[in-house]
PDB file of all heavy atoms in Angstrom:
ATOM      1  N   PRO A   1      -3.917  15.295  -9.880  1.00  0.00           N
ATOM      2  CA  PRO A   1      -2.692  15.082  -9.098  1.00  0.00           C
ATOM      3  C   PRO A   1      -2.721  13.773  -8.298  1.00  0.00           C
ATOM      4  O   PRO A   1      -1.687  13.136  -8.114  1.00  0.00           O
ATOM      5  CB  PRO A   1      -2.645  16.287  -8.152  1.00  0.00           C
ATOM      6  CG  PRO A   1      -3.472  17.320  -8.821  1.00  0.00           C
ATOM      7  CD  PRO A   1      -4.547  16.574  -9.558  1.00  0.00           C
ATOM      8  N   MET A   2      -3.907  13.368  -7.835  1.00  0.00           N
ATOM      9  CA  MET A   2      -3.988  12.113  -7.085  1.00  0.00           C
ATOM     10  C   MET A   2      -3.591  10.936  -7.978  1.00  0.00           C
ATOM     11  O   MET A   2      -2.818  10.079  -7.568  1.00  0.00           O
ATOM     12  CB  MET A   2      -5.384  11.894  -6.510  1.00  0.00           C
ATOM     13  CG  MET A   2      -5.443  10.650  -5.631  1.00  0.00           C
ATOM     14  SD  MET A   2      -6.985  10.447  -4.770  1.00  0.00           S
ATOM     15  CE  MET A   2      -6.959  11.839  -3.667  1.00  0.00           C
ATOM     16  N   GLY A   3      -4.112  10.904  -9.204  1.00  0.00           N
ATOM     17  CA  GLY A   3      -3.730   9.847 -10.134  1.00  0.00           C
ATOM     18  C   GLY A   3      -2.241   9.881 -10.435  1.00  0.00           C
ATOM     19  O   GLY A   3      -1.577   8.846 -10.487  1.00  0.00           O
ATOM     20  N   PHE A   4      -1.701  11.081 -10.615  1.00  0.00           N
ATOM     21  CA  PHE A   4      -0.277  11.249 -10.910  1.00  0.00           C
ATOM     22  C   PHE A   4       0.580  10.759  -9.747  1.00  0.00           C
ATOM     23  O   PHE A   4       1.481   9.946  -9.918  1.00  0.00           O
ATOM     24  CB  PHE A   4       0.024  12.722 -11.217  1.00  0.00           C
ATOM     25  CG  PHE A   4       1.418  12.961 -11.712  1.00  0.00           C
ATOM     26  CD1 PHE A   4       1.681  12.943 -13.069  1.00  0.00           C
ATOM     27  CD2 PHE A   4       2.463  13.204 -10.839  1.00  0.00           C
ATOM     28  CE1 PHE A   4       2.967  13.159 -13.541  1.00  0.00           C
ATOM     29  CE2 PHE A   4       3.753  13.418 -11.292  1.00  0.00           C
ATOM     30  CZ  PHE A   4       4.003  13.403 -12.656  1.00  0.00           C
ATOM     31  N   PHE A   5       0.291  11.270  -8.529  1.00  0.00           N
ATOM     32  CA  PHE A   5       1.088  10.897  -7.358  1.00  0.00           C
ATOM     33  C   PHE A   5       0.953   9.416  -7.021  1.00  0.00           C
ATOM     34  O   PHE A   5       1.922   8.777  -6.641  1.00  0.00           O
ATOM     35  CB  PHE A   5       0.703  11.740  -6.139  1.00  0.00           C
ATOM     36  CG  PHE A   5       1.353  13.083  -6.097  1.00  0.00           C
ATOM     37  CD1 PHE A   5       0.591  14.234  -6.125  1.00  0.00           C
ATOM     38  CD2 PHE A   5       2.731  13.215  -6.005  1.00  0.00           C
ATOM     39  CE1 PHE A   5       1.179  15.483  -6.071  1.00  0.00           C
ATOM     40  CE2 PHE A   5       3.333  14.458  -5.956  1.00  0.00           C
ATOM     41  CZ  PHE A   5       2.551  15.597  -5.991  1.00  0.00           C
ATOM     42  N   MET A   6      -0.267   8.888  -7.130  1.00  0.00           N
ATOM     43  CA  MET A   6      -0.469   7.463  -6.830  1.00  0.00           C
ATOM     44  C   MET A   6       0.307   6.592  -7.814  1.00  0.00           C
ATOM     45  O   MET A   6       0.922   5.605  -7.415  1.00  0.00           O
ATOM     46  CB  MET A   6      -1.949   7.095  -6.892  1.00  0.00           C
ATOM     47  CG  MET A   6      -2.705   7.554  -5.705  1.00  0.00           C
ATOM     48  SD  MET A   6      -2.663   6.286  -4.470  1.00  0.00           S
ATOM     49  CE  MET A   6      -4.267   6.460  -3.805  1.00  0.00           C
ATOM     50  N   ALA A   7       0.266   6.946  -9.088  1.00  0.00           N
ATOM     51  CA  ALA A   7       0.999   6.176 -10.093  1.00  0.00           C
ATOM     52  C   ALA A   7       2.503   6.266  -9.829  1.00  0.00           C
ATOM     53  O   ALA A   7       3.223   5.274  -9.964  1.00  0.00           O
ATOM     54  CB  ALA A   7       0.672   6.679 -11.494  1.00  0.00           C
ATOM     55  N   TRP A   8       2.963   7.421  -9.429  1.00  0.00           N
ATOM     56  CA  TRP A   8       4.378   7.624  -9.154  1.00  0.00           C
ATOM     57  C   TRP A   8       4.807   6.829  -7.919  1.00  0.00           C
ATOM     58  O   TRP A   8       5.823   6.143  -7.928  1.00  0.00           O
ATOM     59  CB  TRP A   8       4.641   9.094  -8.916  1.00  0.00           C
ATOM     60  CG  TRP A   8       6.081   9.502  -8.890  1.00  0.00           C
ATOM     61  CD1 TRP A   8       7.166   8.736  -8.585  1.00  0.00           C
ATOM     62  CD2 TRP A   8       6.590  10.780  -9.200  1.00  0.00           C
ATOM     63  NE1 TRP A   8       8.314   9.467  -8.675  1.00  0.00           N
ATOM     64  CE2 TRP A   8       7.987  10.732  -9.039  1.00  0.00           C
ATOM     65  CE3 TRP A   8       6.006  11.973  -9.573  1.00  0.00           C
ATOM     66  CZ2 TRP A   8       8.789  11.835  -9.259  1.00  0.00           C
ATOM     67  CZ3 TRP A   8       6.825  13.070  -9.784  1.00  0.00           C
ATOM     68  CH2 TRP A   8       8.204  12.992  -9.637  1.00  0.00           C
ATOM     69  N   HIS A   9       4.003   6.904  -6.894  1.00  0.00           N
ATOM     70  CA  HIS A   9       4.358   6.267  -5.621  1.00  0.00           C
ATOM     71  C   HIS A   9       4.184   4.746  -5.663  1.00  0.00           C
ATOM     72  O   HIS A   9       5.021   4.010  -5.179  1.00  0.00           O
ATOM     73  CB  HIS A   9       3.505   6.866  -4.499  1.00  0.00           C
ATOM     74  CG  HIS A   9       3.773   6.264  -3.165  1.00  0.00           C
ATOM     75  ND1 HIS A   9       4.954   6.439  -2.485  1.00  0.00           N
ATOM     76  CD2 HIS A   9       3.013   5.468  -2.377  1.00  0.00           C
ATOM     77  CE1 HIS A   9       4.909   5.776  -1.348  1.00  0.00           C
ATOM     78  NE2 HIS A   9       3.743   5.181  -1.250  1.00  0.00           N
ATOM     79  N   ARG A  10       3.099   4.270  -6.236  1.00  0.00           N
ATOM     80  CA  ARG A  10       2.768   2.849  -6.185  1.00  0.00           C
ATOM     81  C   ARG A  10       3.369   2.063  -7.344  1.00  0.00           C
ATOM     82  O   ARG A  10       3.635   0.886  -7.216  1.00  0.00           O
ATOM     83  CB  ARG A  10       1.248   2.650  -6.194  1.00  0.00           C
ATOM     84  CG  ARG A  10       0.599   3.228  -4.961  1.00  0.00           C
ATOM     85  CD  ARG A  10      -0.880   2.933  -4.885  1.00  0.00           C
ATOM     86  NE  ARG A  10      -1.080   1.523  -4.605  1.00  0.00           N
ATOM     87  CZ  ARG A  10      -1.675   0.674  -5.432  1.00  0.00           C
ATOM     88  NH1 ARG A  10      -2.145   1.076  -6.574  1.00  0.00           N
ATOM     89  NH2 ARG A  10      -1.827  -0.587  -5.110  1.00  0.00           N
ATOM     90  N   ARG A  11       3.506   2.702  -8.497  1.00  0.00           N
ATOM     91  CA  ARG A  11       4.026   2.055  -9.718  1.00  0.00           C
ATOM     92  C   ARG A  11       3.273   0.758 -10.034  1.00  0.00           C
ATOM     93  O   ARG A  11       3.864  -0.283 -10.289  1.00  0.00           O
ATOM     94  CB  ARG A  11       5.515   1.821  -9.620  1.00  0.00           C
ATOM     95  CG  ARG A  11       6.270   3.133  -9.503  1.00  0.00           C
ATOM     96  CD  ARG A  11       7.738   2.958  -9.662  1.00  0.00           C
ATOM     97  NE  ARG A  11       8.419   4.154  -9.238  1.00  0.00           N
ATOM     98  CZ  ARG A  11       8.957   5.028 -10.063  1.00  0.00           C
ATOM     99  NH1 ARG A  11       8.897   4.848 -11.343  1.00  0.00           N
ATOM    100  NH2 ARG A  11       9.574   6.084  -9.594  1.00  0.00           N
ATOM    101  N   LYS A  12       1.966   0.848  -9.970  1.00  0.00           N
ATOM    102  CA  LYS A  12       1.079  -0.271 -10.310  1.00  0.00           C
ATOM    103  C   LYS A  12       0.414   0.036 -11.649  1.00  0.00           C
ATOM    104  O   LYS A  12       0.673   1.044 -12.271  1.00  0.00           O
ATOM    105  CB  LYS A  12       0.017  -0.469  -9.219  1.00  0.00           C
ATOM    106  CG  LYS A  12       0.569  -0.771  -7.855  1.00  0.00           C
ATOM    107  CD  LYS A  12       1.099  -2.168  -7.796  1.00  0.00           C
ATOM    108  CE  LYS A  12       1.579  -2.481  -6.385  1.00  0.00           C
ATOM    109  NZ  LYS A  12       2.230  -3.729  -6.266  1.00  0.00           N
ATOM    110  N   SER A  13      -0.489  -0.840 -12.063  1.00  0.00           N
ATOM    111  CA  SER A  13      -1.162  -0.637 -13.339  1.00  0.00           C
ATOM    112  C   SER A  13      -2.076   0.592 -13.285  1.00  0.00           C
ATOM    113  O   SER A  13      -2.489   1.025 -12.203  1.00  0.00           O
ATOM    114  CB  SER A  13      -2.001  -1.866 -13.696  1.00  0.00           C
ATOM    115  OG  SER A  13      -3.138  -1.952 -12.854  1.00  0.00           O
ATOM    116  N   ILE A  14      -2.369   1.114 -14.450  1.00  0.00           N
ATOM    117  CA  ILE A  14      -3.273   2.259 -14.536  1.00  0.00           C
ATOM    118  C   ILE A  14      -4.632   1.886 -13.960  1.00  0.00           C
ATOM    119  O   ILE A  14      -5.242   2.681 -13.227  1.00  0.00           O
ATOM    120  CB  ILE A  14      -3.397   2.736 -15.999  1.00  0.00           C
ATOM    121  CG1 ILE A  14      -2.076   3.363 -16.452  1.00  0.00           C
ATOM    122  CG2 ILE A  14      -4.545   3.721 -16.168  1.00  0.00           C
ATOM    123  CD1 ILE A  14      -2.030   3.734 -17.910  1.00  0.00           C
ATOM    124  N   LEU A  15      -5.100   0.689 -14.245  1.00  0.00           N
ATOM    125  CA  LEU A  15      -6.407   0.263 -13.754  1.00  0.00           C
ATOM    126  C   LEU A  15      -6.451   0.221 -12.227  1.00  0.00           C
ATOM    127  O   LEU A  15      -7.370   0.780 -11.614  1.00  0.00           O
ATOM    128  CB  LEU A  15      -6.782  -1.112 -14.328  1.00  0.00           C
ATOM    129  CG  LEU A  15      -8.111  -1.675 -13.845  1.00  0.00           C
ATOM    130  CD1 LEU A  15      -9.262  -0.782 -14.282  1.00  0.00           C
ATOM    131  CD2 LEU A  15      -8.299  -3.090 -14.343  1.00  0.00           C
ATOM    132  N   SER A  16      -5.461  -0.409 -11.592  1.00  0.00           N
ATOM    133  CA  SER A  16      -5.504  -0.517 -10.130  1.00  0.00           C
ATOM    134  C   SER A  16      -5.358   0.854  -9.473  1.00  0.00           C
ATOM    135  O   SER A  16      -6.031   1.141  -8.484  1.00  0.00           O
ATOM    136  CB  SER A  16      -4.441  -1.484  -9.614  1.00  0.00           C
ATOM    137  OG  SER A  16      -3.153  -0.970  -9.801  1.00  0.00           O
ATOM    138  N   THR A  17      -4.515   1.707 -10.026  1.00  0.00           N
ATOM    139  CA  THR A  17      -4.348   3.052  -9.470  1.00  0.00           C
ATOM    140  C   THR A  17      -5.631   3.856  -9.625  1.00  0.00           C
ATOM    141  O   THR A  17      -6.068   4.531  -8.687  1.00  0.00           O
ATOM    142  CB  THR A  17      -3.174   3.772 -10.171  1.00  0.00           C
ATOM    143  OG1 THR A  17      -1.993   2.980 -10.016  1.00  0.00           O
ATOM    144  CG2 THR A  17      -2.941   5.141  -9.584  1.00  0.00           C
ATOM    145  N   THR A  18      -6.264   3.763 -10.779  1.00  0.00           N
ATOM    146  CA  THR A  18      -7.522   4.485 -11.004  1.00  0.00           C
ATOM    147  C   THR A  18      -8.618   3.967 -10.083  1.00  0.00           C
ATOM    148  O   THR A  18      -9.411   4.752  -9.543  1.00  0.00           O
ATOM    149  CB  THR A  18      -7.952   4.366 -12.484  1.00  0.00           C
ATOM    150  OG1 THR A  18      -6.892   4.873 -13.309  1.00  0.00           O
ATOM    151  CG2 THR A  18      -9.213   5.155 -12.756  1.00  0.00           C
ATOM    152  N   LEU A  19      -8.654   2.657  -9.864  1.00  0.00           N
ATOM    153  CA  LEU A  19      -9.671   2.089  -8.966  1.00  0.00           C
ATOM    154  C   LEU A  19      -9.460   2.542  -7.520  1.00  0.00           C
ATOM    155  O   LEU A  19     -10.439   2.798  -6.801  1.00  0.00           O
ATOM    156  CB  LEU A  19      -9.678   0.565  -9.059  1.00  0.00           C
ATOM    157  CG  LEU A  19     -10.259  -0.005 -10.355  1.00  0.00           C
ATOM    158  CD1 LEU A  19     -10.093  -1.525 -10.385  1.00  0.00           C
ATOM    159  CD2 LEU A  19     -11.712   0.386 -10.534  1.00  0.00           C
ATOM    160  N   ILE A  20      -8.228   2.654  -7.080  1.00  0.00           N
ATOM    161  CA  ILE A  20      -7.961   3.153  -5.727  1.00  0.00           C
ATOM    162  C   ILE A  20      -8.418   4.606  -5.607  1.00  0.00           C
ATOM    163  O   ILE A  20      -9.051   4.992  -4.620  1.00  0.00           O
ATOM    164  CB  ILE A  20      -6.471   2.998  -5.366  1.00  0.00           C
ATOM    165  CG1 ILE A  20      -6.145   1.523  -5.168  1.00  0.00           C
ATOM    166  CG2 ILE A  20      -6.116   3.802  -4.117  1.00  0.00           C
ATOM    167  CD1 ILE A  20      -4.681   1.226  -5.030  1.00  0.00           C
ATOM    168  N   CYS A  21      -8.118   5.408  -6.609  1.00  0.00           N
ATOM    169  CA  CYS A  21      -8.570   6.807  -6.608  1.00  0.00           C
ATOM    170  C   CYS A  21     -10.100   6.883  -6.639  1.00  0.00           C
ATOM    171  O   CYS A  21     -10.692   7.738  -5.973  1.00  0.00           O
ATOM    172  CB  CYS A  21      -7.962   7.564  -7.785  1.00  0.00           C
ATOM    173  SG  CYS A  21      -6.175   7.784  -7.673  1.00  0.00           S
ATOM    174  N   ALA A  22     -10.731   5.991  -7.386  1.00  0.00           N
ATOM    175  CA  ALA A  22     -12.197   5.946  -7.421  1.00  0.00           C
ATOM    176  C   ALA A  22     -12.753   5.590  -6.042  1.00  0.00           C
ATOM    177  O   ALA A  22     -13.765   6.158  -5.610  1.00  0.00           O
ATOM    178  CB  ALA A  22     -12.682   4.948  -8.469  1.00  0.00           C
ATOM    179  N   ALA A  23     -12.094   4.681  -5.344  1.00  0.00           N
ATOM    180  CA  ALA A  23     -12.543   4.311  -3.995  1.00  0.00           C
ATOM    181  C   ALA A  23     -12.407   5.489  -3.033  1.00  0.00           C
ATOM    182  O   ALA A  23     -13.285   5.722  -2.188  1.00  0.00           O
ATOM    183  CB  ALA A  23     -11.745   3.110  -3.485  1.00  0.00           C
ATOM    184  N   ILE A  24     -11.339   6.258  -3.165  1.00  0.00           N
ATOM    185  CA  ILE A  24     -11.160   7.454  -2.334  1.00  0.00           C
ATOM    186  C   ILE A  24     -12.258   8.460  -2.654  1.00  0.00           C
ATOM    187  O   ILE A  24     -12.862   9.049  -1.744  1.00  0.00           O
ATOM    188  CB  ILE A  24      -9.757   8.056  -2.537  1.00  0.00           C
ATOM    189  CG1 ILE A  24      -8.697   7.103  -1.971  1.00  0.00           C
ATOM    190  CG2 ILE A  24      -9.653   9.439  -1.897  1.00  0.00           C
ATOM    191  CD1 ILE A  24      -7.277   7.448  -2.351  1.00  0.00           C
ATOM    192  N   SER A  25     -12.535   8.667  -3.935  1.00  0.00           N
ATOM    193  CA  SER A  25     -13.602   9.576  -4.335  1.00  0.00           C
ATOM    194  C   SER A  25     -14.949   9.100  -3.807  1.00  0.00           C
ATOM    195  O   SER A  25     -15.756   9.895  -3.318  1.00  0.00           O
ATOM    196  CB  SER A  25     -13.657   9.694  -5.864  1.00  0.00           C
ATOM    197  OG  SER A  25     -14.733  10.504  -6.253  1.00  0.00           O
ATOM    198  N   PHE A  26     -15.193   7.804  -3.877  1.00  0.00           N
ATOM    199  CA  PHE A  26     -16.439   7.237  -3.363  1.00  0.00           C
ATOM    200  C   PHE A  26     -16.574   7.505  -1.865  1.00  0.00           C
ATOM    201  O   PHE A  26     -17.639   7.900  -1.382  1.00  0.00           O
ATOM    202  CB  PHE A  26     -16.485   5.730  -3.645  1.00  0.00           C
ATOM    203  CG  PHE A  26     -17.724   5.058  -3.146  1.00  0.00           C
ATOM    204  CD1 PHE A  26     -18.921   5.182  -3.838  1.00  0.00           C
ATOM    205  CD2 PHE A  26     -17.698   4.303  -1.981  1.00  0.00           C
ATOM    206  CE1 PHE A  26     -20.074   4.573  -3.373  1.00  0.00           C
ATOM    207  CE2 PHE A  26     -18.831   3.685  -1.507  1.00  0.00           C
ATOM    208  CZ  PHE A  26     -20.038   3.820  -2.205  1.00  0.00           C
ATOM    209  N   ALA A  27     -15.485   7.310  -1.125  1.00  0.00           N
ATOM    210  CA  ALA A  27     -15.516   7.564   0.321  1.00  0.00           C
ATOM    211  C   ALA A  27     -15.831   9.032   0.606  1.00  0.00           C
ATOM    212  O   ALA A  27     -16.645   9.344   1.498  1.00  0.00           O
ATOM    213  CB  ALA A  27     -14.183   7.169   0.951  1.00  0.00           C
ATOM    214  N   ILE A  28     -15.216   9.932  -0.149  1.00  0.00           N
ATOM    215  CA  ILE A  28     -15.491  11.355   0.031  1.00  0.00           C
ATOM    216  C   ILE A  28     -16.959  11.649  -0.247  1.00  0.00           C
ATOM    217  O   ILE A  28     -17.629  12.338   0.529  1.00  0.00           O
ATOM    218  CB  ILE A  28     -14.577  12.209  -0.885  1.00  0.00           C
ATOM    219  CG1 ILE A  28     -13.133  12.165  -0.386  1.00  0.00           C
ATOM    220  CG2 ILE A  28     -15.075  13.649  -0.969  1.00  0.00           C
ATOM    221  CD1 ILE A  28     -12.126  12.762  -1.340  1.00  0.00           C
ATOM    222  N   GLU A  29     -17.469  11.126  -1.357  1.00  0.00           N
ATOM    223  CA  GLU A  29     -18.863  11.394  -1.728  1.00  0.00           C
ATOM    224  C   GLU A  29     -19.844  10.841  -0.701  1.00  0.00           C
ATOM    225  O   GLU A  29     -20.847  11.479  -0.397  1.00  0.00           O
ATOM    226  CB  GLU A  29     -19.174  10.828  -3.117  1.00  0.00           C
ATOM    227  CG  GLU A  29     -18.515  11.572  -4.243  1.00  0.00           C
ATOM    228  CD  GLU A  29     -18.852  13.053  -4.271  1.00  0.00           C
ATOM    229  OE1 GLU A  29     -20.041  13.408  -4.086  1.00  0.00           O
ATOM    230  OE2 GLU A  29     -17.933  13.863  -4.460  1.00  0.00           O
ATOM    231  N   VAL A  30     -19.573   9.672  -0.161  1.00  0.00           N
ATOM    232  CA  VAL A  30     -20.472   9.087   0.842  1.00  0.00           C
ATOM    233  C   VAL A  30     -20.409   9.885   2.143  1.00  0.00           C
ATOM    234  O   VAL A  30     -21.433  10.087   2.799  1.00  0.00           O
ATOM    235  CB  VAL A  30     -20.120   7.599   1.078  1.00  0.00           C
ATOM    236  CG1 VAL A  30     -20.825   7.054   2.295  1.00  0.00           C
ATOM    237  CG2 VAL A  30     -20.480   6.785  -0.157  1.00  0.00           C
ATOM    238  N   LEU A  31     -19.230  10.361   2.513  1.00  0.00           N
ATOM    239  CA  LEU A  31     -19.087  11.116   3.758  1.00  0.00           C
ATOM    240  C   LEU A  31     -19.666  12.528   3.686  1.00  0.00           C
ATOM    241  O   LEU A  31     -20.153  13.050   4.688  1.00  0.00           O
ATOM    242  CB  LEU A  31     -17.613  11.199   4.158  1.00  0.00           C
ATOM    243  CG  LEU A  31     -16.981   9.933   4.692  1.00  0.00           C
ATOM    244  CD1 LEU A  31     -15.481  10.120   4.865  1.00  0.00           C
ATOM    245  CD2 LEU A  31     -17.622   9.532   6.008  1.00  0.00           C
ATOM    246  N   GLN A  32     -19.604  13.159   2.522  1.00  0.00           N
ATOM    247  CA  GLN A  32     -19.989  14.561   2.406  1.00  0.00           C
ATOM    248  C   GLN A  32     -21.346  14.912   3.032  1.00  0.00           C
ATOM    249  O   GLN A  32     -21.408  15.840   3.823  1.00  0.00           O
ATOM    250  CB  GLN A  32     -19.959  15.023   0.953  1.00  0.00           C
ATOM    251  CG  GLN A  32     -18.595  15.428   0.496  1.00  0.00           C
ATOM    252  CD  GLN A  32     -18.581  15.961  -0.921  1.00  0.00           C
ATOM    253  OE1 GLN A  32     -19.435  15.655  -1.727  1.00  0.00           O
ATOM    254  NE2 GLN A  32     -17.573  16.748  -1.217  1.00  0.00           N
ATOM    255  N   PRO A  33     -22.420  14.229   2.696  1.00  0.00           N
ATOM    256  CA  PRO A  33     -23.694  14.669   3.275  1.00  0.00           C
ATOM    257  C   PRO A  33     -23.824  14.376   4.774  1.00  0.00           C
ATOM    258  O   PRO A  33     -24.699  14.929   5.424  1.00  0.00           O
ATOM    259  CB  PRO A  33     -24.738  13.897   2.473  1.00  0.00           C
ATOM    260  CG  PRO A  33     -24.040  12.753   1.873  1.00  0.00           C
ATOM    261  CD  PRO A  33     -22.602  13.154   1.726  1.00  0.00           C
ATOM    262  N   TRP A  34     -22.961  13.541   5.325  1.00  0.00           N
ATOM    263  CA  TRP A  34     -23.058  13.182   6.735  1.00  0.00           C
ATOM    264  C   TRP A  34     -22.199  14.044   7.642  1.00  0.00           C
ATOM    265  O   TRP A  34     -22.553  14.249   8.806  1.00  0.00           O
ATOM    266  CB  TRP A  34     -22.667  11.718   6.939  1.00  0.00           C
ATOM    267  CG  TRP A  34     -23.633  10.782   6.301  1.00  0.00           C
ATOM    268  CD1 TRP A  34     -23.476  10.139   5.114  1.00  0.00           C
ATOM    269  CD2 TRP A  34     -24.919  10.390   6.787  1.00  0.00           C
ATOM    270  NE1 TRP A  34     -24.580   9.371   4.836  1.00  0.00           N
ATOM    271  CE2 TRP A  34     -25.479   9.499   5.853  1.00  0.00           C
ATOM    272  CE3 TRP A  34     -25.644  10.708   7.930  1.00  0.00           C
ATOM    273  CZ2 TRP A  34     -26.727   8.935   6.009  1.00  0.00           C
ATOM    274  CZ3 TRP A  34     -26.896  10.135   8.105  1.00  0.00           C
ATOM    275  CH2 TRP A  34     -27.426   9.261   7.155  1.00  0.00           C
ATOM    276  N   ILE A  35     -21.051  14.513   7.150  1.00  0.00           N
ATOM    277  CA  ILE A  35     -20.140  15.254   8.041  1.00  0.00           C
ATOM    278  C   ILE A  35     -19.929  16.703   7.630  1.00  0.00           C
ATOM    279  O   ILE A  35     -19.131  17.399   8.246  1.00  0.00           O
ATOM    280  CB  ILE A  35     -18.782  14.533   8.191  1.00  0.00           C
ATOM    281  CG1 ILE A  35     -17.985  14.548   6.894  1.00  0.00           C
ATOM    282  CG2 ILE A  35     -18.958  13.134   8.710  1.00  0.00           C
ATOM    283  CD1 ILE A  35     -16.556  14.068   7.064  1.00  0.00           C
ATOM    284  N   THR A  36     -20.592  17.156   6.588  1.00  0.00           N
ATOM    285  CA  THR A  36     -20.493  18.558   6.195  1.00  0.00           C
ATOM    286  C   THR A  36     -21.900  19.111   5.982  1.00  0.00           C
ATOM    287  O   THR A  36     -22.858  18.372   5.795  1.00  0.00           O
ATOM    288  CB  THR A  36     -19.672  18.740   4.902  1.00  0.00           C
ATOM    289  OG1 THR A  36     -20.293  18.004   3.852  1.00  0.00           O
ATOM    290  CG2 THR A  36     -18.250  18.260   5.073  1.00  0.00           C
ATOM    291  N   ILE A  37     -21.996  20.404   5.986  1.00  0.00           N
ATOM    292  CA  ILE A  37     -23.282  21.074   5.822  1.00  0.00           C
ATOM    293  C   ILE A  37     -23.516  21.371   4.338  1.00  0.00           C
ATOM    294  O   ILE A  37     -22.611  21.807   3.631  1.00  0.00           O
ATOM    295  CB  ILE A  37     -23.307  22.396   6.624  1.00  0.00           C
ATOM    296  CG1 ILE A  37     -23.021  22.133   8.101  1.00  0.00           C
ATOM    297  CG2 ILE A  37     -24.611  23.137   6.436  1.00  0.00           C
ATOM    298  CD1 ILE A  37     -24.080  21.351   8.824  1.00  0.00           C
ATOM    299  N   ASN A  38     -24.713  21.133   3.880  1.00  0.00           N
ATOM    300  CA  ASN A  38     -25.141  21.471   2.516  1.00  0.00           C
ATOM    301  C   ASN A  38     -24.317  20.796   1.427  1.00  0.00           C
ATOM    302  O   ASN A  38     -24.004  21.409   0.405  1.00  0.00           O
ATOM    303  CB  ASN A  38     -25.133  22.990   2.298  1.00  0.00           C
ATOM    304  CG  ASN A  38     -26.093  23.692   3.212  1.00  0.00           C
ATOM    305  OD1 ASN A  38     -27.167  23.175   3.525  1.00  0.00           O
ATOM    306  ND2 ASN A  38     -25.722  24.873   3.669  1.00  0.00           N
ATOM    307  N   ARG A  39     -23.943  19.562   1.615  1.00  0.00           N
ATOM    308  CA  ARG A  39     -23.215  18.816   0.591  1.00  0.00           C
ATOM    309  C   ARG A  39     -24.074  17.669   0.097  1.00  0.00           C
ATOM    310  O   ARG A  39     -24.910  17.138   0.814  1.00  0.00           O
ATOM    311  CB  ARG A  39     -21.907  18.253   1.140  1.00  0.00           C
ATOM    312  CG  ARG A  39     -20.882  19.297   1.532  1.00  0.00           C
ATOM    313  CD  ARG A  39     -20.290  19.947   0.278  1.00  0.00           C
ATOM    314  NE  ARG A  39     -19.316  20.948   0.607  1.00  0.00           N
ATOM    315  CZ  ARG A  39     -18.026  20.816   0.436  1.00  0.00           C
ATOM    316  NH1 ARG A  39     -17.524  19.714  -0.072  1.00  0.00           N
ATOM    317  NH2 ARG A  39     -17.203  21.778   0.756  1.00  0.00           N
TER     318      ARG A  39
END
């Protein structure tokens, strides 16, 4: 859904939209072990 909504809202290339979603995923993954338990 993030890829779908981002593509709908931003109307940019598939590559740039996917890279933004990858950056969001990266931020989540980096934060998980620091701000949540057992991640």
